[in-house]
């Protein structure tokens, strides 16, 4: 829980000061999934949410407006979390749905699913001879996971991705943790998605403090978006450059931090 010289201050180690800043304010909480609510695993399908974390999320959602903002398909992450009271933003915010019919709903670049399906199928076919490649069709993006690919063959995977991309100008390549992703070639990311959710929920107000907790390079867009009026928390066991103002070491520290936010709500009017 101690600080590292080249990392943002640990949010638990510096909790008294952070809590003093947040106490009496209304919070809005945004959370990544993989590497934040669950540990990073070799295969995306193995990232299972613990019952303890699920219960923490239920308590959090009952206390503060809360959203999960994931690179996963929205249906996938919603099914894995299984907490109805949350807002879910899938594919880095290209697909957003609130907890009920009256809640926020957004599809950025609707109608793209057939083109993404064709791209995903082409990527599967062209990478079929490379061991360890996992191609995922997420409706709004095609992801090529290479965590299990032999290191010497990763450049070959990227060459295939780039070759496919060259024939699809409607898409652009983005990078994540051991994944190449082809997304719609428009100016949209997790940061813009967070700002959209805040506006849709009527929370883009001076008395609201948004907090974003994430571990991936894609979460940096959200950290930057909230730098002037919110709190970004990077989940990382080793330091790296970041726009986040605080850090947490792992999923266990994330859960403890979220429980402390629940505790703040007991003394703060929503």
C-alpha atoms as a PDB file:
ATOM      1  CA  UNK A   1       0.000   0.000   0.000  1.00  0.00           C
ATOM      2  CA  UNK A   2       3.059   2.263   0.138  1.00  0.00           C
ATOM      3  CA  UNK A   3       3.831   4.721  -2.648  1.00  0.00           C
ATOM      4  CA  UNK A   4       6.392   4.059  -5.360  1.00  0.00           C
ATOM      5  CA  UNK A   5       8.656   6.929  -6.311  1.00  0.00           C
ATOM      6  CA  UNK A   6       7.652   6.908  -9.997  1.00  0.00           C
ATOM      7  CA  UNK A   7       3.940   6.116  -9.603  1.00  0.00           C
ATOM      8  CA  UNK A   8       0.885   8.179  -8.635  1.00  0.00           C
ATOM      9  CA  UNK A   9       0.185   8.070  -4.901  1.00  0.00           C
ATOM     10  CA  UNK A  10      -1.612   4.953  -3.717  1.00  0.00           C
ATOM     11  CA  UNK A  11      -5.266   5.816  -3.051  1.00  0.00           C
ATOM     12  CA  UNK A  12      -5.462   3.622   0.058  1.00  0.00           C
ATOM     13  CA  UNK A  13      -2.239   4.933   1.552  1.00  0.00           C
ATOM     14  CA  UNK A  14      -3.503   8.475   0.976  1.00  0.00           C
ATOM     15  CA  UNK A  15      -7.122   7.760   1.824  1.00  0.00           C
ATOM     16  CA  UNK A  16      -7.572  10.391   4.587  1.00  0.00           C
ATOM     17  CA  UNK A  17      -6.706  13.245   2.239  1.00  0.00           C
ATOM     18  CA  UNK A  18      -8.686  11.824  -0.677  1.00  0.00           C
ATOM     19  CA  UNK A  19     -11.689  11.133   1.546  1.00  0.00           C
ATOM     20  CA  UNK A  20     -11.596  14.700   2.838  1.00  0.00           C
ATOM     21  CA  UNK A  21     -11.776  15.916  -0.778  1.00  0.00           C
ATOM     22  CA  UNK A  22     -14.680  13.612  -1.633  1.00  0.00           C
ATOM     23  CA  UNK A  23     -16.721  13.841   1.564  1.00  0.00           C
ATOM     24  CA  UNK A  24     -19.871  15.893   1.126  1.00  0.00           C
ATOM     25  CA  UNK A  25     -19.717  15.628  -2.667  1.00  0.00           C
ATOM     26  CA  UNK A  26     -21.814  13.451  -4.947  1.00  0.00           C
ATOM     27  CA  UNK A  27     -19.745  10.787  -6.692  1.00  0.00           C
ATOM     28  CA  UNK A  28     -20.100   9.050 -10.055  1.00  0.00           C
ATOM     29  CA  UNK A  29     -18.019   5.891 -10.383  1.00  0.00           C
ATOM     30  CA  UNK A  30     -16.682   4.393 -13.622  1.00  0.00           C
ATOM     31  CA  UNK A  31     -14.901   1.040 -13.707  1.00  0.00           C
ATOM     32  CA  UNK A  32     -13.028  -0.981 -16.292  1.00  0.00           C
ATOM     33  CA  UNK A  33     -13.559  -4.771 -16.101  1.00  0.00           C
ATOM     34  CA  UNK A  34     -10.515  -6.844 -17.119  1.00  0.00           C
ATOM     35  CA  UNK A  35      -7.545  -6.109 -14.889  1.00  0.00           C
ATOM     36  CA  UNK A  36      -9.666  -3.879 -12.652  1.00  0.00           C
ATOM     37  CA  UNK A  37     -12.621  -5.902 -11.373  1.00  0.00           C
ATOM     38  CA  UNK A  38     -10.990  -9.219 -12.345  1.00  0.00           C
ATOM     39  CA  UNK A  39      -7.325 -10.186 -12.707  1.00  0.00           C
ATOM     40  CA  UNK A  40      -5.810 -10.354 -16.196  1.00  0.00           C
ATOM     41  CA  UNK A  41      -5.995 -13.941 -17.497  1.00  0.00           C
ATOM     42  CA  UNK A  42      -4.659 -15.741 -20.562  1.00  0.00           C
ATOM     43  CA  UNK A  43      -8.044 -16.052 -22.283  1.00  0.00           C
ATOM     44  CA  UNK A  44     -10.841 -13.429 -22.152  1.00  0.00           C
ATOM     45  CA  UNK A  45     -13.455 -16.093 -21.407  1.00  0.00           C
ATOM     46  CA  UNK A  46     -11.642 -16.997 -18.169  1.00  0.00           C
ATOM     47  CA  UNK A  47     -12.064 -13.545 -16.571  1.00  0.00           C
ATOM     48  CA  UNK A  48     -14.719 -14.407 -13.978  1.00  0.00           C
ATOM     49  CA  UNK A  49     -15.957 -11.880 -11.429  1.00  0.00           C
ATOM     50  CA  UNK A  50     -15.704 -13.036  -7.814  1.00  0.00           C
ATOM     51  CA  UNK A  51     -18.844 -13.114  -5.696  1.00  0.00           C
ATOM     52  CA  UNK A  52     -17.182 -10.756  -3.211  1.00  0.00           C
ATOM     53  CA  UNK A  53     -16.562  -8.181  -5.939  1.00  0.00           C
ATOM     54  CA  UNK A  54     -20.111  -8.632  -7.282  1.00  0.00           C
ATOM     55  CA  UNK A  55     -21.527  -7.923  -3.843  1.00  0.00           C
ATOM     56  CA  UNK A  56     -19.305  -4.839  -3.543  1.00  0.00           C
ATOM     57  CA  UNK A  57     -20.616  -3.609  -6.903  1.00  0.00           C
ATOM     58  CA  UNK A  58     -24.209  -4.114  -5.752  1.00  0.00           C
ATOM     59  CA  UNK A  59     -23.506  -2.018  -2.665  1.00  0.00           C
ATOM     60  CA  UNK A  60     -21.682   0.600  -4.728  1.00  0.00           C
ATOM     61  CA  UNK A  61     -24.493   0.909  -7.291  1.00  0.00           C
ATOM     62  CA  UNK A  62     -26.990   1.347  -4.457  1.00  0.00           C
ATOM     63  CA  UNK A  63     -24.862   4.195  -3.110  1.00  0.00           C
ATOM     64  CA  UNK A  64     -23.523   6.085  -6.153  1.00  0.00           C
ATOM     65  CA  UNK A  65     -24.309   6.141  -9.893  1.00  0.00           C
ATOM     66  CA  UNK A  66     -21.941   3.519 -11.279  1.00  0.00           C
ATOM     67  CA  UNK A  67     -20.930   2.388 -14.770  1.00  0.00           C
ATOM     68  CA  UNK A  68     -18.714  -0.378 -16.099  1.00  0.00           C
ATOM     69  CA  UNK A  69     -16.805   0.876 -19.153  1.00  0.00           C
ATOM     70  CA  UNK A  70     -15.168  -2.094 -20.859  1.00  0.00           C
ATOM     71  CA  UNK A  71     -13.475  -3.057 -24.076  1.00  0.00           C
ATOM     72  CA  UNK A  72     -15.658  -6.165 -24.053  1.00  0.00           C
ATOM     73  CA  UNK A  73     -18.939  -6.362 -25.920  1.00  0.00           C
ATOM     74  CA  UNK A  74     -21.620  -4.763 -23.792  1.00  0.00           C
ATOM     75  CA  UNK A  75     -23.771  -7.914 -23.537  1.00  0.00           C
ATOM     76  CA  UNK A  76     -20.715  -9.920 -22.523  1.00  0.00           C
ATOM     77  CA  UNK A  77     -19.571  -7.624 -19.722  1.00  0.00           C
ATOM     78  CA  UNK A  78     -23.124  -7.123 -18.445  1.00  0.00           C
ATOM     79  CA  UNK A  79     -23.618 -10.889 -18.230  1.00  0.00           C
ATOM     80  CA  UNK A  80     -20.283 -11.348 -16.444  1.00  0.00           C
ATOM     81  CA  UNK A  81     -20.956  -8.631 -13.869  1.00  0.00           C
ATOM     82  CA  UNK A  82     -24.615  -9.506 -13.378  1.00  0.00           C
ATOM     83  CA  UNK A  83     -25.639  -6.388 -11.440  1.00  0.00           C
ATOM     84  CA  UNK A  84     -28.799  -4.894 -12.922  1.00  0.00           C
ATOM     85  CA  UNK A  85     -28.447  -1.471 -11.283  1.00  0.00           C
ATOM     86  CA  UNK A  86     -25.294  -0.582 -13.233  1.00  0.00           C
ATOM     87  CA  UNK A  87     -24.828   1.323 -16.464  1.00  0.00           C
ATOM     88  CA  UNK A  88     -22.809  -0.687 -19.005  1.00  0.00           C
ATOM     89  CA  UNK A  89     -20.627   0.716 -21.766  1.00  0.00           C
ATOM     90  CA  UNK A  90     -19.181  -1.915 -24.091  1.00  0.00           C
ATOM     91  CA  UNK A  91     -16.485  -1.783 -26.773  1.00  0.00           C
ATOM     92  CA  UNK A  92     -14.805   1.243 -25.160  1.00  0.00           C
ATOM     93  CA  UNK A  93     -18.097   3.140 -25.075  1.00  0.00           C
ATOM     94  CA  UNK A  94     -19.450   2.496 -28.560  1.00  0.00           C
ATOM     95  CA  UNK A  95     -22.455   0.682 -27.038  1.00  0.00           C
ATOM     96  CA  UNK A  96     -24.010   2.133 -23.856  1.00  0.00           C
ATOM     97  CA  UNK A  97     -27.126   1.020 -21.977  1.00  0.00           C
ATOM     98  CA  UNK A  98     -28.527   2.101 -18.620  1.00  0.00           C
ATOM     99  CA  UNK A  99     -30.121  -0.097 -15.980  1.00  0.00           C
ATOM    100  CA  UNK A 100     -33.674   0.366 -17.281  1.00  0.00           C
ATOM    101  CA  UNK A 101     -35.601   1.488 -20.363  1.00  0.00           C
ATOM    102  CA  UNK A 102     -35.568   5.099 -19.195  1.00  0.00           C
ATOM    103  CA  UNK A 103     -31.808   5.087 -18.702  1.00  0.00           C
ATOM    104  CA  UNK A 104     -29.130   6.195 -21.161  1.00  0.00           C
ATOM    105  CA  UNK A 105     -28.832   4.392 -24.480  1.00  0.00           C
ATOM    106  CA  UNK A 106     -26.290   5.029 -27.209  1.00  0.00           C
ATOM    107  CA  UNK A 107     -24.929   3.147 -30.186  1.00  0.00           C
ATOM    108  CA  UNK A 108     -22.079   4.990 -31.851  1.00  0.00           C
ATOM    109  CA  UNK A 109     -21.948   4.094 -35.545  1.00  0.00           C
ATOM    110  CA  UNK A 110     -25.001   1.780 -35.649  1.00  0.00           C
ATOM    111  CA  UNK A 111     -25.249  -0.607 -38.590  1.00  0.00           C
ATOM    112  CA  UNK A 112     -21.559  -1.484 -38.494  1.00  0.00           C
ATOM    113  CA  UNK A 113     -22.056  -5.043 -37.202  1.00  0.00           C
ATOM    114  CA  UNK A 114     -22.137  -6.826 -40.597  1.00  0.00           C
ATOM    115  CA  UNK A 115     -18.866  -5.195 -41.721  1.00  0.00           C
ATOM    116  CA  UNK A 116     -17.197  -6.042 -38.386  1.00  0.00           C
ATOM    117  CA  UNK A 117     -18.379  -9.653 -38.707  1.00  0.00           C
ATOM    118  CA  UNK A 118     -16.783  -9.913 -42.145  1.00  0.00           C
ATOM    119  CA  UNK A 119     -13.524  -8.436 -40.865  1.00  0.00           C
ATOM    120  CA  UNK A 120     -13.487 -10.806 -37.886  1.00  0.00           C
ATOM    121  CA  UNK A 121     -14.035 -13.795 -40.171  1.00  0.00           C
ATOM    122  CA  UNK A 122     -11.215 -12.692 -42.465  1.00  0.00           C
ATOM    123  CA  UNK A 123      -8.907 -12.266 -39.472  1.00  0.00           C
ATOM    124  CA  UNK A 124      -9.808 -15.749 -38.198  1.00  0.00           C
ATOM    125  CA  UNK A 125      -9.108 -17.280 -41.576  1.00  0.00           C
ATOM    126  CA  UNK A 126      -5.793 -15.518 -42.081  1.00  0.00           C
ATOM    127  CA  UNK A 127      -4.483 -16.195 -38.574  1.00  0.00           C
ATOM    128  CA  UNK A 128      -5.699 -19.804 -38.404  1.00  0.00           C
ATOM    129  CA  UNK A 129      -2.162 -21.182 -38.781  1.00  0.00           C
ATOM    130  CA  UNK A 130      -0.727 -19.122 -35.911  1.00  0.00           C
ATOM    131  CA  UNK A 131      -1.043 -20.831 -32.527  1.00  0.00           C
ATOM    132  CA  UNK A 132      -2.646 -18.890 -29.705  1.00  0.00           C
ATOM    133  CA  UNK A 133      -4.524 -16.255 -31.737  1.00  0.00           C
ATOM    134  CA  UNK A 134      -8.036 -15.469 -30.512  1.00  0.00           C
ATOM    135  CA  UNK A 135     -10.259 -13.340 -32.756  1.00  0.00           C
ATOM    136  CA  UNK A 136     -13.324 -11.786 -31.162  1.00  0.00           C
ATOM    137  CA  UNK A 137     -16.298 -10.206 -32.954  1.00  0.00           C
ATOM    138  CA  UNK A 138     -17.664  -7.539 -30.601  1.00  0.00           C
ATOM    139  CA  UNK A 139     -20.254  -6.063 -33.055  1.00  0.00           C
ATOM    140  CA  UNK A 140     -18.632  -2.629 -32.921  1.00  0.00           C
ATOM    141  CA  UNK A 141     -15.034  -3.861 -33.178  1.00  0.00           C
ATOM    142  CA  UNK A 142     -12.954  -6.902 -34.070  1.00  0.00           C
ATOM    143  CA  UNK A 143     -10.277  -7.836 -31.526  1.00  0.00           C
ATOM    144  CA  UNK A 144      -7.219 -10.005 -32.146  1.00  0.00           C
ATOM    145  CA  UNK A 145      -5.820 -11.301 -28.842  1.00  0.00           C
ATOM    146  CA  UNK A 146      -2.207 -12.467 -28.953  1.00  0.00           C
ATOM    147  CA  UNK A 147      -1.353 -13.121 -25.287  1.00  0.00           C
ATOM    148  CA  UNK A 148      -0.916 -16.846 -26.055  1.00  0.00           C
ATOM    149  CA  UNK A 149       0.959 -16.333 -29.351  1.00  0.00           C
ATOM    150  CA  UNK A 150       4.695 -17.170 -29.414  1.00  0.00           C
ATOM    151  CA  UNK A 151       6.589 -13.884 -29.165  1.00  0.00           C
ATOM    152  CA  UNK A 152       8.396 -14.459 -32.459  1.00  0.00           C
ATOM    153  CA  UNK A 153       5.099 -14.610 -34.338  1.00  0.00           C
ATOM    154  CA  UNK A 154       3.433 -11.499 -32.909  1.00  0.00           C
ATOM    155  CA  UNK A 155       4.831  -9.294 -35.737  1.00  0.00           C
ATOM    156  CA  UNK A 156       3.225 -11.681 -38.224  1.00  0.00           C
ATOM    157  CA  UNK A 157      -0.119 -11.253 -36.462  1.00  0.00           C
ATOM    158  CA  UNK A 158       0.207  -7.479 -36.611  1.00  0.00           C
ATOM    159  CA  UNK A 159       1.097  -7.585 -40.327  1.00  0.00           C
ATOM    160  CA  UNK A 160      -2.105  -9.512 -41.008  1.00  0.00           C
ATOM    161  CA  UNK A 161      -4.137  -7.041 -38.947  1.00  0.00           C
ATOM    162  CA  UNK A 162      -2.582  -4.112 -40.829  1.00  0.00           C
ATOM    163  CA  UNK A 163      -3.214  -5.776 -44.191  1.00  0.00           C
ATOM    164  CA  UNK A 164      -6.883  -6.357 -43.381  1.00  0.00           C
ATOM    165  CA  UNK A 165      -7.207  -2.814 -42.052  1.00  0.00           C
ATOM    166  CA  UNK A 166      -5.815  -1.368 -45.285  1.00  0.00           C
ATOM    167  CA  UNK A 167      -8.916  -2.602 -47.113  1.00  0.00           C
ATOM    168  CA  UNK A 168     -11.345  -1.226 -44.531  1.00  0.00           C
ATOM    169  CA  UNK A 169     -10.984   2.550 -44.258  1.00  0.00           C
ATOM    170  CA  UNK A 170     -14.093   2.672 -42.057  1.00  0.00           C
ATOM    171  CA  UNK A 171     -11.985   1.090 -39.290  1.00  0.00           C
ATOM    172  CA  UNK A 172      -8.817   2.057 -37.386  1.00  0.00           C
ATOM    173  CA  UNK A 173      -6.330   0.057 -35.345  1.00  0.00           C
ATOM    174  CA  UNK A 174      -6.142   0.534 -31.601  1.00  0.00           C
ATOM    175  CA  UNK A 175      -3.880  -1.151 -29.068  1.00  0.00           C
ATOM    176  CA  UNK A 176      -4.612  -2.708 -25.684  1.00  0.00           C
ATOM    177  CA  UNK A 177      -3.000  -5.248 -23.384  1.00  0.00           C
ATOM    178  CA  UNK A 178      -1.893  -8.018 -25.776  1.00  0.00           C
ATOM    179  CA  UNK A 179      -4.625  -7.163 -28.279  1.00  0.00           C
ATOM    180  CA  UNK A 180      -4.942  -5.425 -31.637  1.00  0.00           C
ATOM    181  CA  UNK A 181      -8.395  -4.014 -32.197  1.00  0.00           C
ATOM    182  CA  UNK A 182     -10.110  -2.698 -35.332  1.00  0.00           C
ATOM    183  CA  UNK A 183     -12.685  -0.094 -34.297  1.00  0.00           C
ATOM    184  CA  UNK A 184     -14.800   2.467 -36.166  1.00  0.00           C
ATOM    185  CA  UNK A 185     -12.594   5.228 -37.535  1.00  0.00           C
ATOM    186  CA  UNK A 186     -14.320   7.993 -35.625  1.00  0.00           C
ATOM    187  CA  UNK A 187     -13.237  10.218 -32.751  1.00  0.00           C
ATOM    188  CA  UNK A 188     -14.662   8.228 -29.833  1.00  0.00           C
ATOM    189  CA  UNK A 189     -13.034   6.585 -26.825  1.00  0.00           C
ATOM    190  CA  UNK A 190     -13.605   5.789 -23.153  1.00  0.00           C
ATOM    191  CA  UNK A 191     -13.085   9.412 -22.179  1.00  0.00           C
ATOM    192  CA  UNK A 192     -15.794  10.656 -24.529  1.00  0.00           C
ATOM    193  CA  UNK A 193     -18.055   7.827 -23.404  1.00  0.00           C
ATOM    194  CA  UNK A 194     -17.628   8.819 -19.756  1.00  0.00           C
ATOM    195  CA  UNK A 195     -18.457  12.445 -20.524  1.00  0.00           C
ATOM    196  CA  UNK A 196     -21.535  11.307 -22.496  1.00  0.00           C
ATOM    197  CA  UNK A 197     -22.761   9.142 -19.593  1.00  0.00           C
ATOM    198  CA  UNK A 198     -22.273  11.997 -17.120  1.00  0.00           C
ATOM    199  CA  UNK A 199     -24.353  14.274 -19.341  1.00  0.00           C
ATOM    200  CA  UNK A 200     -27.042  11.630 -19.974  1.00  0.00           C
ATOM    201  CA  UNK A 201     -27.425  11.046 -16.226  1.00  0.00           C
ATOM    202  CA  UNK A 202     -27.487  14.759 -15.418  1.00  0.00           C
ATOM    203  CA  UNK A 203     -24.215  14.457 -13.513  1.00  0.00           C
ATOM    204  CA  UNK A 204     -22.058  16.935 -15.441  1.00  0.00           C
ATOM    205  CA  UNK A 205     -22.327  19.424 -12.578  1.00  0.00           C
ATOM    206  CA  UNK A 206     -19.763  21.123 -10.343  1.00  0.00           C
ATOM    207  CA  UNK A 207     -20.996  19.270  -7.243  1.00  0.00           C
ATOM    208  CA  UNK A 208     -20.336  15.838  -8.809  1.00  0.00           C
ATOM    209  CA  UNK A 209     -16.895  14.204  -8.652  1.00  0.00           C
ATOM    210  CA  UNK A 210     -16.453  11.452 -11.260  1.00  0.00           C
ATOM    211  CA  UNK A 211     -13.949   8.694 -10.452  1.00  0.00           C
ATOM    212  CA  UNK A 212     -12.548   6.316 -13.057  1.00  0.00           C
ATOM    213  CA  UNK A 213     -10.664   3.134 -12.145  1.00  0.00           C
ATOM    214  CA  UNK A 214      -8.845   1.240 -14.905  1.00  0.00           C
ATOM    215  CA  UNK A 215      -5.658  -0.598 -15.780  1.00  0.00           C
ATOM    216  CA  UNK A 216      -5.319  -0.535 -19.582  1.00  0.00           C
ATOM    217  CA  UNK A 217      -3.829   1.972 -22.005  1.00  0.00           C
ATOM    218  CA  UNK A 218      -7.388   2.525 -23.290  1.00  0.00           C
ATOM    219  CA  UNK A 219      -8.305   3.868 -19.842  1.00  0.00           C
ATOM    220  CA  UNK A 220      -5.846   6.725 -20.251  1.00  0.00           C
ATOM    221  CA  UNK A 221      -8.421   8.512 -22.434  1.00  0.00           C
ATOM    222  CA  UNK A 222     -10.798   8.516 -19.454  1.00  0.00           C
ATOM    223  CA  UNK A 223      -8.073   9.637 -17.053  1.00  0.00           C
ATOM    224  CA  UNK A 224      -7.302  12.565 -19.349  1.00  0.00           C
ATOM    225  CA  UNK A 225     -10.987  13.429 -19.750  1.00  0.00           C
ATOM    226  CA  UNK A 226     -11.441  13.684 -15.977  1.00  0.00           C
ATOM    227  CA  UNK A 227      -8.086  15.217 -15.061  1.00  0.00           C
ATOM    228  CA  UNK A 228      -9.460  18.704 -14.354  1.00  0.00           C
ATOM    229  CA  UNK A 229     -12.679  17.786 -12.548  1.00  0.00           C
ATOM    230  CA  UNK A 230     -12.453  14.177 -11.406  1.00  0.00           C
ATOM    231  CA  UNK A 231     -10.174  11.459 -10.089  1.00  0.00           C
ATOM    232  CA  UNK A 232      -8.411   8.827 -12.182  1.00  0.00           C
ATOM    233  CA  UNK A 233      -7.018   5.701 -10.527  1.00  0.00           C
ATOM    234  CA  UNK A 234      -4.574   3.433 -12.363  1.00  0.00           C
ATOM    235  CA  UNK A 235      -4.538  -0.246 -11.399  1.00  0.00           C
ATOM    236  CA  UNK A 236      -0.969  -1.482 -11.904  1.00  0.00           C
ATOM    237  CA  UNK A 237       1.480  -3.660 -10.013  1.00  0.00           C
ATOM    238  CA  UNK A 238       4.408  -1.954 -11.736  1.00  0.00           C
ATOM    239  CA  UNK A 239       4.690   1.790 -12.447  1.00  0.00           C
ATOM    240  CA  UNK A 240       4.064   3.262 -15.881  1.00  0.00           C
ATOM    241  CA  UNK A 241       3.412   6.735 -17.301  1.00  0.00           C
ATOM    242  CA  UNK A 242      -0.208   7.695 -16.708  1.00  0.00           C
ATOM    243  CA  UNK A 243      -2.641  10.595 -16.575  1.00  0.00           C
ATOM    244  CA  UNK A 244      -4.231   9.110 -13.435  1.00  0.00           C
ATOM    245  CA  UNK A 245      -3.854  11.032 -10.196  1.00  0.00           C
ATOM    246  CA  UNK A 246      -3.862   7.966  -7.915  1.00  0.00           C
ATOM    247  CA  UNK A 247      -2.996   4.291  -8.170  1.00  0.00           C
ATOM    248  CA  UNK A 248      -4.104   0.921  -6.821  1.00  0.00           C
ATOM    249  CA  UNK A 249      -1.947  -2.192  -6.982  1.00  0.00           C
ATOM    250  CA  UNK A 250      -4.431  -4.922  -7.848  1.00  0.00           C
ATOM    251  CA  UNK A 251      -8.035  -6.144  -7.857  1.00  0.00           C
ATOM    252  CA  UNK A 252      -7.952  -6.635  -4.091  1.00  0.00           C
ATOM    253  CA  UNK A 253      -7.074  -2.983  -3.551  1.00  0.00           C
ATOM    254  CA  UNK A 254      -9.770  -1.970  -6.044  1.00  0.00           C
ATOM    255  CA  UNK A 255     -12.402  -3.789  -3.985  1.00  0.00           C
ATOM    256  CA  UNK A 256     -11.172  -2.210  -0.748  1.00  0.00           C
ATOM    257  CA  UNK A 257     -11.273   1.235  -2.381  1.00  0.00           C
ATOM    258  CA  UNK A 258     -14.823   0.686  -3.654  1.00  0.00           C
ATOM    259  CA  UNK A 259     -15.926  -0.412  -0.193  1.00  0.00           C
ATOM    260  CA  UNK A 260     -14.540   2.852   1.162  1.00  0.00           C
ATOM    261  CA  UNK A 261     -16.587   4.762  -1.421  1.00  0.00           C
ATOM    262  CA  UNK A 262     -19.662   2.906  -0.184  1.00  0.00           C
ATOM    263  CA  UNK A 263     -18.746   3.989   3.335  1.00  0.00           C
ATOM    264  CA  UNK A 264     -18.506   7.608   2.214  1.00  0.00           C
ATOM    265  CA  UNK A 265     -22.040   7.355   0.918  1.00  0.00           C
ATOM    266  CA  UNK A 266     -23.319   6.505   4.369  1.00  0.00           C
ATOM    267  CA  UNK A 267     -22.398  10.019   5.494  1.00  0.00           C
ATOM    268  CA  UNK A 268     -23.125  11.921   2.268  1.00  0.00           C
ATOM    269  CA  UNK A 269     -26.483  12.856   0.794  1.00  0.00           C
ATOM    270  CA  UNK A 270     -26.933  11.691  -2.771  1.00  0.00           C
END
